[in-house]
PDB file of N, CA and C in Angstrom:
ATOM      1  N   UNK A   1      14.942 137.790  47.678  1.00  0.00           N
ATOM      2  CA  UNK A   1      15.257 136.664  46.834  1.00  0.00           C
ATOM      3  C   UNK A   1      16.731 136.700  46.464  1.00  0.00           C
ATOM      4  N   UNK A   2      17.278 135.532  46.298  1.00  0.00           N
ATOM      5  CA  UNK A   2      18.669 135.414  45.875  1.00  0.00           C
ATOM      6  C   UNK A   2      18.698 134.676  44.549  1.00  0.00           C
ATOM      7  N   UNK A   3      19.375 135.277  43.579  1.00  0.00           N
ATOM      8  CA  UNK A   3      19.543 134.650  42.272  1.00  0.00           C
ATOM      9  C   UNK A   3      21.024 134.376  42.055  1.00  0.00           C
ATOM     10  N   UNK A   4      21.310 133.229  41.483  1.00  0.00           N
ATOM     11  CA  UNK A   4      22.678 132.877  41.112  1.00  0.00           C
ATOM     12  C   UNK A   4      22.689 132.689  39.599  1.00  0.00           C
ATOM     13  N   UNK A   5      23.455 133.533  38.910  1.00  0.00           N
ATOM     14  CA  UNK A   5      23.467 133.489  37.452  1.00  0.00           C
ATOM     15  C   UNK A   5      24.891 133.257  36.962  1.00  0.00           C
ATOM     16  N   UNK A   6      25.045 132.331  36.038  1.00  0.00           N
ATOM     17  CA  UNK A   6      26.335 132.058  35.422  1.00  0.00           C
ATOM     18  C   UNK A   6      26.325 132.714  34.037  1.00  0.00           C
ATOM     19  N   UNK A   7      27.070 133.799  33.902  1.00  0.00           N
ATOM     20  CA  UNK A   7      27.051 134.556  32.661  1.00  0.00           C
ATOM     21  C   UNK A   7      27.924 133.953  31.567  1.00  0.00           C
ATOM     22  N   UNK A   8      28.433 132.764  31.803  1.00  0.00           N
ATOM     23  CA  UNK A   8      29.126 132.062  30.720  1.00  0.00           C
ATOM     24  C   UNK A   8      28.122 131.525  29.698  1.00  0.00           C
ATOM     25  N   UNK A   9      26.885 131.403  30.125  1.00  0.00           N
ATOM     26  CA  UNK A   9      25.810 130.996  29.218  1.00  0.00           C
ATOM     27  C   UNK A   9      25.122 132.269  28.703  1.00  0.00           C
ATOM     28  N   UNK A  10      25.174 132.538  27.410  1.00  0.00           N
ATOM     29  CA  UNK A  10      24.600 133.781  26.876  1.00  0.00           C
ATOM     30  C   UNK A  10      23.107 133.936  27.156  1.00  0.00           C
ATOM     31  N   UNK A  11      22.380 132.859  27.272  1.00  0.00           N
ATOM     32  CA  UNK A  11      20.938 132.950  27.521  1.00  0.00           C
ATOM     33  C   UNK A  11      20.657 133.559  28.892  1.00  0.00           C
ATOM     34  N   UNK A  12      21.586 133.401  29.822  1.00  0.00           N
ATOM     35  CA  UNK A  12      21.394 133.944  31.167  1.00  0.00           C
ATOM     36  C   UNK A  12      21.345 135.468  31.126  1.00  0.00           C
ATOM     37  N   UNK A  13      22.123 136.068  30.253  1.00  0.00           N
ATOM     38  CA  UNK A  13      22.106 137.534  30.142  1.00  0.00           C
ATOM     39  C   UNK A  13      20.709 138.031  29.822  1.00  0.00           C
ATOM     40  N   UNK A  14      20.069 137.417  28.862  1.00  0.00           N
ATOM     41  CA  UNK A  14      18.725 137.856  28.463  1.00  0.00           C
ATOM     42  C   UNK A  14      17.709 137.567  29.559  1.00  0.00           C
ATOM     43  N   UNK A  15      17.918 136.501  30.305  1.00  0.00           N
ATOM     44  CA  UNK A  15      17.019 136.197  31.420  1.00  0.00           C
ATOM     45  C   UNK A  15      17.160 137.233  32.530  1.00  0.00           C
ATOM     46  N   UNK A  16      18.382 137.647  32.825  1.00  0.00           N
ATOM     47  CA  UNK A  16      18.602 138.581  33.928  1.00  0.00           C
ATOM     48  C   UNK A  16      18.166 140.003  33.587  1.00  0.00           C
ATOM     49  N   UNK A  17      18.050 140.333  32.326  1.00  0.00           N
ATOM     50  CA  UNK A  17      17.578 141.685  31.989  1.00  0.00           C
ATOM     51  C   UNK A  17      16.117 141.890  32.361  1.00  0.00           C
ATOM     52  N   UNK A  18      15.398 140.811  32.622  1.00  0.00           N
ATOM     53  CA  UNK A  18      13.988 140.946  33.007  1.00  0.00           C
ATOM     54  C   UNK A  18      13.800 141.025  34.526  1.00  0.00           C
ATOM     55  N   UNK A  19      14.876 140.961  35.303  1.00  0.00           N
ATOM     56  CA  UNK A  19      14.756 141.069  36.759  1.00  0.00           C
ATOM     57  C   UNK A  19      14.355 142.484  37.132  1.00  0.00           C
ATOM     58  N   UNK A  20      13.430 142.577  38.059  1.00  0.00           N
ATOM     59  CA  UNK A  20      12.987 143.886  38.523  1.00  0.00           C
ATOM     60  C   UNK A  20      13.889 144.349  39.663  1.00  0.00           C
ATOM     61  N   UNK A  21      14.510 145.516  39.499  1.00  0.00           N
ATOM     62  CA  UNK A  21      15.379 146.088  40.535  1.00  0.00           C
ATOM     63  C   UNK A  21      14.648 147.227  41.223  1.00  0.00           C
ATOM     64  N   UNK A  22      14.776 147.285  42.542  1.00  0.00           N
ATOM     65  CA  UNK A  22      14.170 148.356  43.317  1.00  0.00           C
ATOM     66  C   UNK A  22      15.249 149.095  44.093  1.00  0.00           C
ATOM     67  N   UNK A  23      14.893 150.218  44.655  1.00  0.00           N
ATOM     68  CA  UNK A  23      15.811 151.003  45.461  1.00  0.00           C
ATOM     69  C   UNK A  23      16.306 150.163  46.653  1.00  0.00           C
ATOM     70  N   UNK A  24      17.595 150.237  46.943  1.00  0.00           N
ATOM     71  CA  UNK A  24      18.268 149.549  48.042  1.00  0.00           C
ATOM     72  C   UNK A  24      18.419 148.047  47.818  1.00  0.00           C
ATOM     73  N   UNK A  25      18.183 147.567  46.609  1.00  0.00           N
ATOM     74  CA  UNK A  25      18.508 146.175  46.293  1.00  0.00           C
ATOM     75  C   UNK A  25      20.023 146.041  46.212  1.00  0.00           C
ATOM     76  N   UNK A  26      20.519 144.887  46.554  1.00  0.00           N
ATOM     77  CA  UNK A  26      21.959 144.635  46.532  1.00  0.00           C
ATOM     78  C   UNK A  26      22.268 143.724  45.357  1.00  0.00           C
ATOM     79  N   UNK A  27      23.249 144.129  44.567  1.00  0.00           N
ATOM     80  CA  UNK A  27      23.708 143.341  43.435  1.00  0.00           C
ATOM     81  C   UNK A  27      25.143 142.939  43.722  1.00  0.00           C
ATOM     82  N   UNK A  28      25.402 141.647  43.807  1.00  0.00           N
ATOM     83  CA  UNK A  28      26.734 141.127  44.139  1.00  0.00           C
ATOM     84  C   UNK A  28      27.251 140.339  42.954  1.00  0.00           C
ATOM     85  N   UNK A  29      28.429 140.740  42.470  1.00  0.00           N
ATOM     86  CA  UNK A  29      29.009 140.101  41.292  1.00  0.00           C
ATOM     87  C   UNK A  29      30.429 139.667  41.629  1.00  0.00           C
ATOM     88  N   UNK A  30      30.776 138.466  41.243  1.00  0.00           N
ATOM     89  CA  UNK A  30      32.130 137.973  41.450  1.00  0.00           C
ATOM     90  C   UNK A  30      32.673 137.451  40.129  1.00  0.00           C
ATOM     91  N   UNK A  31      33.988 137.322  40.072  1.00  0.00           N
ATOM     92  CA  UNK A  31      34.627 136.915  38.825  1.00  0.00           C
ATOM     93  C   UNK A  31      34.729 135.404  38.662  1.00  0.00           C
ATOM     94  N   UNK A  32      35.073 134.714  39.714  1.00  0.00           N
ATOM     95  CA  UNK A  32      35.334 133.286  39.556  1.00  0.00           C
ATOM     96  C   UNK A  32      35.205 132.571  40.895  1.00  0.00           C
ATOM     97  N   UNK A  33      35.285 131.246  40.837  1.00  0.00           N
ATOM     98  CA  UNK A  33      35.234 130.431  42.049  1.00  0.00           C
ATOM     99  C   UNK A  33      36.417 130.739  42.956  1.00  0.00           C
ATOM    100  N   UNK A  34      37.589 130.978  42.358  1.00  0.00           N
ATOM    101  CA  UNK A  34      38.771 131.247  43.180  1.00  0.00           C
ATOM    102  C   UNK A  34      38.602 132.532  43.981  1.00  0.00           C
ATOM    103  N   UNK A  35      37.876 133.501  43.439  1.00  0.00           N
ATOM    104  CA  UNK A  35      37.606 134.727  44.180  1.00  0.00           C
ATOM    105  C   UNK A  35      36.751 134.424  45.405  1.00  0.00           C
ATOM    106  N   UNK A  36      35.756 133.585  45.234  1.00  0.00           N
ATOM    107  CA  UNK A  36      34.918 133.200  46.365  1.00  0.00           C
ATOM    108  C   UNK A  36      35.723 132.448  47.413  1.00  0.00           C
ATOM    109  N   UNK A  37      36.599 131.560  46.987  1.00  0.00           N
ATOM    110  CA  UNK A  37      37.446 130.822  47.920  1.00  0.00           C
ATOM    111  C   UNK A  37      38.352 131.770  48.680  1.00  0.00           C
ATOM    112  N   UNK A  38      38.946 132.731  47.988  1.00  0.00           N
ATOM    113  CA  UNK A  38      39.815 133.714  48.627  1.00  0.00           C
ATOM    114  C   UNK A  38      39.037 134.521  49.667  1.00  0.00           C
ATOM    115  N   UNK A  39      37.825 134.941  49.332  1.00  0.00           N
ATOM    116  CA  UNK A  39      37.012 135.698  50.276  1.00  0.00           C
ATOM    117  C   UNK A  39      36.678 134.859  51.504  1.00  0.00           C
ATOM    118  N   UNK A  40      36.377 133.588  51.302  1.00  0.00           N
ATOM    119  CA  UNK A  40      36.070 132.702  52.418  1.00  0.00           C
ATOM    120  C   UNK A  40      37.289 132.520  53.319  1.00  0.00           C
ATOM    121  N   UNK A  41      38.455 132.289  52.721  1.00  0.00           N
ATOM    122  CA  UNK A  41      39.666 132.103  53.514  1.00  0.00           C
ATOM    123  C   UNK A  41      40.054 133.385  54.251  1.00  0.00           C
ATOM    124  N   UNK A  42      39.811 134.529  53.645  1.00  0.00           N
ATOM    125  CA  UNK A  42      40.063 135.802  54.313  1.00  0.00           C
ATOM    126  C   UNK A  42      39.141 135.963  55.513  1.00  0.00           C
ATOM    127  N   UNK A  43      37.891 135.563  55.368  1.00  0.00           N
ATOM    128  CA  UNK A  43      36.946 135.622  56.486  1.00  0.00           C
ATOM    129  C   UNK A  43      37.413 134.740  57.626  1.00  0.00           C
ATOM    130  N   UNK A  44      37.848 133.522  57.336  1.00  0.00           N
ATOM    131  CA  UNK A  44      38.342 132.616  58.375  1.00  0.00           C
ATOM    132  C   UNK A  44      39.570 133.212  59.048  1.00  0.00           C
ATOM    133  N   UNK A  45      40.466 133.823  58.257  1.00  0.00           N
ATOM    134  CA  UNK A  45      41.665 134.440  58.814  1.00  0.00           C
ATOM    135  C   UNK A  45      41.313 135.583  59.753  1.00  0.00           C
ATOM    136  N   UNK A  46      40.343 136.392  59.385  1.00  0.00           N
ATOM    137  CA  UNK A  46      39.937 137.515  60.241  1.00  0.00           C
ATOM    138  C   UNK A  46      39.291 137.029  61.538  1.00  0.00           C
ATOM    139  N   UNK A  47      38.519 135.966  61.464  1.00  0.00           N
ATOM    140  CA  UNK A  47      37.932 135.399  62.685  1.00  0.00           C
ATOM    141  C   UNK A  47      39.037 134.885  63.594  1.00  0.00           C
ATOM    142  N   UNK A  48      40.012 134.189  63.021  1.00  0.00           N
ATOM    143  CA  UNK A  48      41.130 133.677  63.796  1.00  0.00           C
ATOM    144  C   UNK A  48      41.934 134.821  64.411  1.00  0.00           C
ATOM    145  N   UNK A  49      42.168 135.881  63.655  1.00  0.00           N
ATOM    146  CA  UNK A  49      42.925 137.020  64.161  1.00  0.00           C
ATOM    147  C   UNK A  49      42.167 137.721  65.286  1.00  0.00           C
ATOM    148  N   UNK A  50      40.851 137.770  65.186  1.00  0.00           N
ATOM    149  CA  UNK A  50      40.050 138.398  66.231  1.00  0.00           C
ATOM    150  C   UNK A  50      40.233 137.676  67.561  1.00  0.00           C
ATOM    151  N   UNK A  51      40.367 136.377  67.511  1.00  0.00           N
ATOM    152  CA  UNK A  51      40.563 135.585  68.729  1.00  0.00           C
ATOM    153  C   UNK A  51      42.024 135.611  69.157  1.00  0.00           C
ATOM    154  N   UNK A  52      42.934 135.489  68.215  1.00  0.00           N
ATOM    155  CA  UNK A  52      44.350 135.296  68.525  1.00  0.00           C
ATOM    156  C   UNK A  52      45.082 136.585  68.884  1.00  0.00           C
ATOM    157  N   UNK A  53      44.766 137.710  68.271  1.00  0.00           N
ATOM    158  CA  UNK A  53      45.515 138.942  68.491  1.00  0.00           C
ATOM    159  C   UNK A  53      45.489 139.422  69.948  1.00  0.00           C
ATOM    160  N   UNK A  54      44.347 139.441  70.630  1.00  0.00           N
ATOM    161  CA  UNK A  54      44.383 139.859  72.034  1.00  0.00           C
ATOM    162  C   UNK A  54      45.213 138.918  72.914  1.00  0.00           C
ATOM    163  N   UNK A  55      45.209 137.636  72.582  1.00  0.00           N
ATOM    164  CA  UNK A  55      46.011 136.681  73.350  1.00  0.00           C
ATOM    165  C   UNK A  55      47.489 136.974  73.162  1.00  0.00           C
ATOM    166  N   UNK A  56      47.920 137.208  71.924  1.00  0.00           N
ATOM    167  CA  UNK A  56      49.321 137.523  71.651  1.00  0.00           C
ATOM    168  C   UNK A  56      49.720 138.839  72.304  1.00  0.00           C
ATOM    169  N   UNK A  57      48.829 139.818  72.324  1.00  0.00           N
ATOM    170  CA  UNK A  57      49.115 141.099  72.968  1.00  0.00           C
ATOM    171  C   UNK A  57      49.289 140.917  74.474  1.00  0.00           C
ATOM    172  N   UNK A  58      48.437 140.094  75.089  1.00  0.00           N
ATOM    173  CA  UNK A  58      48.554 139.843  76.525  1.00  0.00           C
ATOM    174  C   UNK A  58      49.864 139.130  76.854  1.00  0.00           C
ATOM    175  N   UNK A  59      50.245 138.151  76.043  1.00  0.00           N
ATOM    176  CA  UNK A  59      51.508 137.442  76.263  1.00  0.00           C
ATOM    177  C   UNK A  59      52.679 138.409  76.154  1.00  0.00           C
ATOM    178  N   UNK A  60      52.646 139.279  75.150  1.00  0.00           N
ATOM    179  CA  UNK A  60      53.720 140.260  74.982  1.00  0.00           C
ATOM    180  C   UNK A  60      53.773 141.225  76.159  1.00  0.00           C
ATOM    181  N   UNK A  61      52.613 141.644  76.679  1.00  0.00           N
ATOM    182  CA  UNK A  61      52.580 142.564  77.818  1.00  0.00           C
ATOM    183  C   UNK A  61      53.150 141.909  79.070  1.00  0.00           C
ATOM    184  N   UNK A  62      52.781 140.657  79.338  1.00  0.00           N
ATOM    185  CA  UNK A  62      53.320 139.961  80.504  1.00  0.00           C
ATOM    186  C   UNK A  62      54.819 139.726  80.373  1.00  0.00           C
ATOM    187  N   UNK A  63      55.261 139.414  79.167  1.00  0.00           N
ATOM    188  CA  UNK A  63      56.697 139.219  78.944  1.00  0.00           C
ATOM    189  C   UNK A  63      57.450 140.518  79.160  1.00  0.00           C
ATOM    190  N   UNK A  64      56.931 141.614  78.632  1.00  0.00           N
ATOM    191  CA  UNK A  64      57.565 142.908  78.802  1.00  0.00           C
ATOM    192  C   UNK A  64      57.620 143.296  80.277  1.00  0.00           C
ATOM    193  N   UNK A  65      56.547 143.029  81.002  1.00  0.00           N
ATOM    194  CA  UNK A  65      56.530 143.330  82.434  1.00  0.00           C
ATOM    195  C   UNK A  65      57.573 142.502  83.165  1.00  0.00           C
ATOM    196  N   UNK A  66      57.714 141.228  82.807  1.00  0.00           N
ATOM    197  CA  UNK A  66      58.711 140.370  83.441  1.00  0.00           C
ATOM    198  C   UNK A  66      60.130 140.841  83.129  1.00  0.00           C
ATOM    199  N   UNK A  67      60.352 141.280  81.904  1.00  0.00           N
ATOM    200  CA  UNK A  67      61.667 141.796  81.532  1.00  0.00           C
ATOM    201  C   UNK A  67      61.967 143.060  82.323  1.00  0.00           C
ATOM    202  N   UNK A  68      60.970 143.933  82.477  1.00  0.00           N
ATOM    203  CA  UNK A  68      61.166 145.176  83.229  1.00  0.00           C
ATOM    204  C   UNK A  68      61.464 144.897  84.693  1.00  0.00           C
ATOM    205  N   UNK A  69      60.858 143.867  85.263  1.00  0.00           N
ATOM    206  CA  UNK A  69      61.101 143.500  86.661  1.00  0.00           C
ATOM    207  C   UNK A  69      62.381 142.704  86.823  1.00  0.00           C
ATOM    208  N   UNK A  70      62.911 142.175  85.723  1.00  0.00           N
ATOM    209  CA  UNK A  70      64.114 141.351  85.799  1.00  0.00           C
ATOM    210  C   UNK A  70      63.834 139.908  86.153  1.00  0.00           C
ATOM    211  N   UNK A  71      62.599 139.478  86.027  1.00  0.00           N
ATOM    212  CA  UNK A  71      62.237 138.101  86.373  1.00  0.00           C
ATOM    213  C   UNK A  71      61.935 137.263  85.142  1.00  0.00           C
ATOM    214  N   UNK A  72      62.301 137.756  83.991  1.00  0.00           N
ATOM    215  CA  UNK A  72      61.984 137.041  82.747  1.00  0.00           C
ATOM    216  C   UNK A  72      62.832 135.788  82.621  1.00  0.00           C
ATOM    217  N   UNK A  73      62.210 134.730  82.154  1.00  0.00           N
ATOM    218  CA  UNK A  73      62.910 133.484  81.895  1.00  0.00           C
ATOM    219  C   UNK A  73      63.400 133.491  80.458  1.00  0.00           C
ATOM    220  N   UNK A  74      64.543 132.842  80.180  1.00  0.00           N
ATOM    221  CA  UNK A  74      64.999 132.805  78.788  1.00  0.00           C
ATOM    222  C   UNK A  74      64.010 132.036  77.914  1.00  0.00           C
ATOM    223  N   UNK A  75      63.851 132.496  76.703  1.00  0.00           N
ATOM    224  CA  UNK A  75      62.937 131.847  75.776  1.00  0.00           C
ATOM    225  C   UNK A  75      63.512 130.515  75.329  1.00  0.00           C
ATOM    226  N   UNK A  76      62.667 129.518  75.242  1.00  0.00           N
ATOM    227  CA  UNK A  76      63.082 128.192  74.817  1.00  0.00           C
ATOM    228  C   UNK A  76      62.332 127.862  73.543  1.00  0.00           C
ATOM    229  N   UNK A  77      63.067 127.526  72.506  1.00  0.00           N
ATOM    230  CA  UNK A  77      62.444 127.121  71.252  1.00  0.00           C
ATOM    231  C   UNK A  77      62.431 125.613  71.201  1.00  0.00           C
ATOM    232  N   UNK A  78      61.271 125.039  71.176  1.00  0.00           N
ATOM    233  CA  UNK A  78      61.137 123.582  71.142  1.00  0.00           C
ATOM    234  C   UNK A  78      61.373 123.112  69.721  1.00  0.00           C
ATOM    235  N   UNK A  79      62.264 122.158  69.573  1.00  0.00           N
ATOM    236  CA  UNK A  79      62.533 121.585  68.267  1.00  0.00           C
ATOM    237  C   UNK A  79      63.440 122.428  67.395  1.00  0.00           C
ATOM    238  N   UNK A  80      64.025 123.481  67.951  1.00  0.00           N
ATOM    239  CA  UNK A  80      64.922 124.324  67.154  1.00  0.00           C
ATOM    240  C   UNK A  80      66.268 123.626  67.000  1.00  0.00           C
ATOM    241  N   UNK A  81      66.879 123.706  65.838  1.00  0.00           N
ATOM    242  CA  UNK A  81      68.183 123.072  65.663  1.00  0.00           C
ATOM    243  C   UNK A  81      69.254 123.777  66.480  1.00  0.00           C
ATOM    244  N   UNK A  82      70.205 123.016  66.975  1.00  0.00           N
ATOM    245  CA  UNK A  82      71.290 123.600  67.749  1.00  0.00           C
ATOM    246  C   UNK A  82      72.479 123.832  66.838  1.00  0.00           C
ATOM    247  N   UNK A  83      73.203 124.895  67.105  1.00  0.00           N
ATOM    248  CA  UNK A  83      74.378 125.235  66.314  1.00  0.00           C
ATOM    249  C   UNK A  83      75.602 124.892  67.158  1.00  0.00           C
ATOM    250  N   UNK A  84      76.465 124.095  66.596  1.00  0.00           N
ATOM    251  CA  UNK A  84      77.674 123.711  67.320  1.00  0.00           C
ATOM    252  C   UNK A  84      78.893 124.187  66.542  1.00  0.00           C
ATOM    253  N   UNK A  85      79.934 124.478  67.272  1.00  0.00           N
ATOM    254  CA  UNK A  85      81.182 124.930  66.651  1.00  0.00           C
ATOM    255  C   UNK A  85      82.124 123.754  66.518  1.00  0.00           C
ATOM    256  N   UNK A  86      82.754 123.631  65.370  1.00  0.00           N
ATOM    257  CA  UNK A  86      83.694 122.519  65.160  1.00  0.00           C
ATOM    258  C   UNK A  86      85.113 122.927  65.528  1.00  0.00           C
ATOM    259  N   UNK A  87      85.338 124.204  65.844  1.00  0.00           N
ATOM    260  CA  UNK A  87      86.662 124.653  66.271  1.00  0.00           C
ATOM    261  C   UNK A  87      87.626 124.894  65.131  1.00  0.00           C
ATOM    262  N   UNK A  88      87.180 125.013  63.926  1.00  0.00           N
ATOM    263  CA  UNK A  88      88.063 125.254  62.783  1.00  0.00           C
ATOM    264  C   UNK A  88      88.361 126.698  62.615  1.00  0.00           C
TER     265      UNK A  88
END
């Protein structure tokens, strides 16, 4: 069973003292909604990193191999501002 209790209401405290706890039951307590949001966003970030990190590692390995062979192409930054000299 899953119970959700808001302890901002004092009556909830007295209600929860009657819950029967057994060995290996899990009790999960959080402080606020923002904590739950942070945990959710961290979970999404970890899922994204699980997918993205091996891809970035493979790209870095291929780039390093190309540099070692001398066949590497110069990196191009799309949309990067250009710096020009005015000659002053």
